[in-house]
């Protein structure tokens, strides 16, 4: 392992998914300005917009939305190249 390329300030950090209020704790070197109390222990807080608990792929709630007929527009545009 190369020396002096890894951060020295690893510590336990609370990551909070803002879409469903899920909190998980893991090690990180990311800088934070906020703290969160979890089970009586205060951790630095990093807010997330999406995580494994709210991402459609992991929750099984993925939906294919064809807004504005994008798939049909693509097919019509490249129809002339079909043999």
C-alpha atoms as a PDB file:
ATOM      1  CA  UNK A   1       0.000   0.000   0.000  1.00  0.00           C
ATOM      2  CA  UNK A   2       1.326   3.460  -0.907  1.00  0.00           C
ATOM      3  CA  UNK A   3       2.110   5.772   1.978  1.00  0.00           C
ATOM      4  CA  UNK A   4       0.531   9.204   2.511  1.00  0.00           C
ATOM      5  CA  UNK A   5      -2.327   8.805   0.004  1.00  0.00           C
ATOM      6  CA  UNK A   6      -5.101   7.718   2.374  1.00  0.00           C
ATOM      7  CA  UNK A   7      -6.908  10.127   4.728  1.00  0.00           C
ATOM      8  CA  UNK A   8      -6.092   9.910   8.398  1.00  0.00           C
ATOM      9  CA  UNK A   9      -9.401  11.252   9.716  1.00  0.00           C
ATOM     10  CA  UNK A  10     -11.652   8.183   9.340  1.00  0.00           C
ATOM     11  CA  UNK A  11     -14.378   8.141  11.956  1.00  0.00           C
ATOM     12  CA  UNK A  12     -17.911   6.849  12.419  1.00  0.00           C
ATOM     13  CA  UNK A  13     -20.443   9.021  10.589  1.00  0.00           C
ATOM     14  CA  UNK A  14     -24.259   8.891  10.437  1.00  0.00           C
ATOM     15  CA  UNK A  15     -25.718   8.952   6.916  1.00  0.00           C
ATOM     16  CA  UNK A  16     -29.387   9.979   6.773  1.00  0.00           C
ATOM     17  CA  UNK A  17     -31.612   9.348   3.759  1.00  0.00           C
ATOM     18  CA  UNK A  18     -33.811  12.448   3.645  1.00  0.00           C
ATOM     19  CA  UNK A  19     -36.528  10.790   1.553  1.00  0.00           C
ATOM     20  CA  UNK A  20     -37.437   8.174   4.185  1.00  0.00           C
ATOM     21  CA  UNK A  21     -35.514   9.264   7.325  1.00  0.00           C
ATOM     22  CA  UNK A  22     -33.457   6.026   7.392  1.00  0.00           C
ATOM     23  CA  UNK A  23     -30.119   6.387   9.242  1.00  0.00           C
ATOM     24  CA  UNK A  24     -27.080   4.135   8.966  1.00  0.00           C
ATOM     25  CA  UNK A  25     -23.640   4.477  10.495  1.00  0.00           C
ATOM     26  CA  UNK A  26     -20.359   3.710   8.783  1.00  0.00           C
ATOM     27  CA  UNK A  27     -16.821   5.041   8.631  1.00  0.00           C
ATOM     28  CA  UNK A  28     -16.068   8.077   6.487  1.00  0.00           C
ATOM     29  CA  UNK A  29     -13.554  10.864   6.081  1.00  0.00           C
ATOM     30  CA  UNK A  30     -16.101  13.329   4.629  1.00  0.00           C
ATOM     31  CA  UNK A  31     -16.314  16.728   6.301  1.00  0.00           C
ATOM     32  CA  UNK A  32     -19.596  17.677   7.972  1.00  0.00           C
ATOM     33  CA  UNK A  33     -20.996  20.649   9.845  1.00  0.00           C
ATOM     34  CA  UNK A  34     -24.015  18.948  11.432  1.00  0.00           C
ATOM     35  CA  UNK A  35     -24.339  16.267  14.094  1.00  0.00           C
ATOM     36  CA  UNK A  36     -27.019  13.684  14.837  1.00  0.00           C
ATOM     37  CA  UNK A  37     -27.780  11.840  18.067  1.00  0.00           C
ATOM     38  CA  UNK A  38     -28.274   8.095  17.466  1.00  0.00           C
ATOM     39  CA  UNK A  39     -29.001   5.911  20.502  1.00  0.00           C
ATOM     40  CA  UNK A  40     -27.443   8.454  22.854  1.00  0.00           C
ATOM     41  CA  UNK A  41     -24.233   8.840  20.822  1.00  0.00           C
ATOM     42  CA  UNK A  42     -23.557  11.937  18.734  1.00  0.00           C
ATOM     43  CA  UNK A  43     -22.201  11.354  15.211  1.00  0.00           C
ATOM     44  CA  UNK A  44     -21.287  13.741  12.401  1.00  0.00           C
ATOM     45  CA  UNK A  45     -24.216  13.814   9.929  1.00  0.00           C
ATOM     46  CA  UNK A  46     -24.176  13.485   6.142  1.00  0.00           C
ATOM     47  CA  UNK A  47     -27.541  13.943   4.420  1.00  0.00           C
ATOM     48  CA  UNK A  48     -28.369  11.830   1.366  1.00  0.00           C
ATOM     49  CA  UNK A  49     -31.103  12.316  -1.224  1.00  0.00           C
ATOM     50  CA  UNK A  50     -31.270   8.605  -2.009  1.00  0.00           C
ATOM     51  CA  UNK A  51     -29.782   5.451  -0.511  1.00  0.00           C
ATOM     52  CA  UNK A  52     -30.194   1.689  -0.662  1.00  0.00           C
ATOM     53  CA  UNK A  53     -33.386   1.984   1.394  1.00  0.00           C
ATOM     54  CA  UNK A  54     -35.132   4.329  -1.051  1.00  0.00           C
ATOM     55  CA  UNK A  55     -33.563   3.592  -4.455  1.00  0.00           C
ATOM     56  CA  UNK A  56     -36.123   1.973  -6.800  1.00  0.00           C
ATOM     57  CA  UNK A  57     -33.693  -0.737  -7.926  1.00  0.00           C
ATOM     58  CA  UNK A  58     -33.103  -1.997  -4.388  1.00  0.00           C
ATOM     59  CA  UNK A  59     -36.677  -1.577  -3.177  1.00  0.00           C
ATOM     60  CA  UNK A  60     -38.184  -3.398  -6.173  1.00  0.00           C
ATOM     61  CA  UNK A  61     -40.434  -0.476  -7.032  1.00  0.00           C
ATOM     62  CA  UNK A  62     -38.715   0.407 -10.298  1.00  0.00           C
ATOM     63  CA  UNK A  63     -41.054   1.593 -13.018  1.00  0.00           C
ATOM     64  CA  UNK A  64     -40.433   2.272 -16.678  1.00  0.00           C
ATOM     65  CA  UNK A  65     -41.909   5.658 -17.502  1.00  0.00           C
ATOM     66  CA  UNK A  66     -42.118   6.667 -21.130  1.00  0.00           C
ATOM     67  CA  UNK A  67     -42.875  10.339 -20.677  1.00  0.00           C
ATOM     68  CA  UNK A  68     -43.529  12.244 -23.866  1.00  0.00           C
ATOM     69  CA  UNK A  69     -43.159   9.059 -25.963  1.00  0.00           C
ATOM     70  CA  UNK A  70     -39.356   9.105 -25.953  1.00  0.00           C
ATOM     71  CA  UNK A  71     -39.090   5.479 -26.987  1.00  0.00           C
ATOM     72  CA  UNK A  72     -41.465   5.986 -29.914  1.00  0.00           C
ATOM     73  CA  UNK A  73     -39.591   9.121 -31.005  1.00  0.00           C
ATOM     74  CA  UNK A  74     -36.316   7.182 -30.966  1.00  0.00           C
ATOM     75  CA  UNK A  75     -37.790   4.304 -32.977  1.00  0.00           C
ATOM     76  CA  UNK A  76     -39.311   6.658 -35.557  1.00  0.00           C
ATOM     77  CA  UNK A  77     -36.085   8.625 -35.914  1.00  0.00           C
ATOM     78  CA  UNK A  78     -33.998   5.540 -36.674  1.00  0.00           C
ATOM     79  CA  UNK A  79     -36.662   3.627 -38.634  1.00  0.00           C
ATOM     80  CA  UNK A  80     -35.070   4.780 -41.916  1.00  0.00           C
ATOM     81  CA  UNK A  81     -31.832   2.909 -41.103  1.00  0.00           C
ATOM     82  CA  UNK A  82     -33.544  -0.477 -40.841  1.00  0.00           C
ATOM     83  CA  UNK A  83     -32.784  -2.915 -43.647  1.00  0.00           C
END
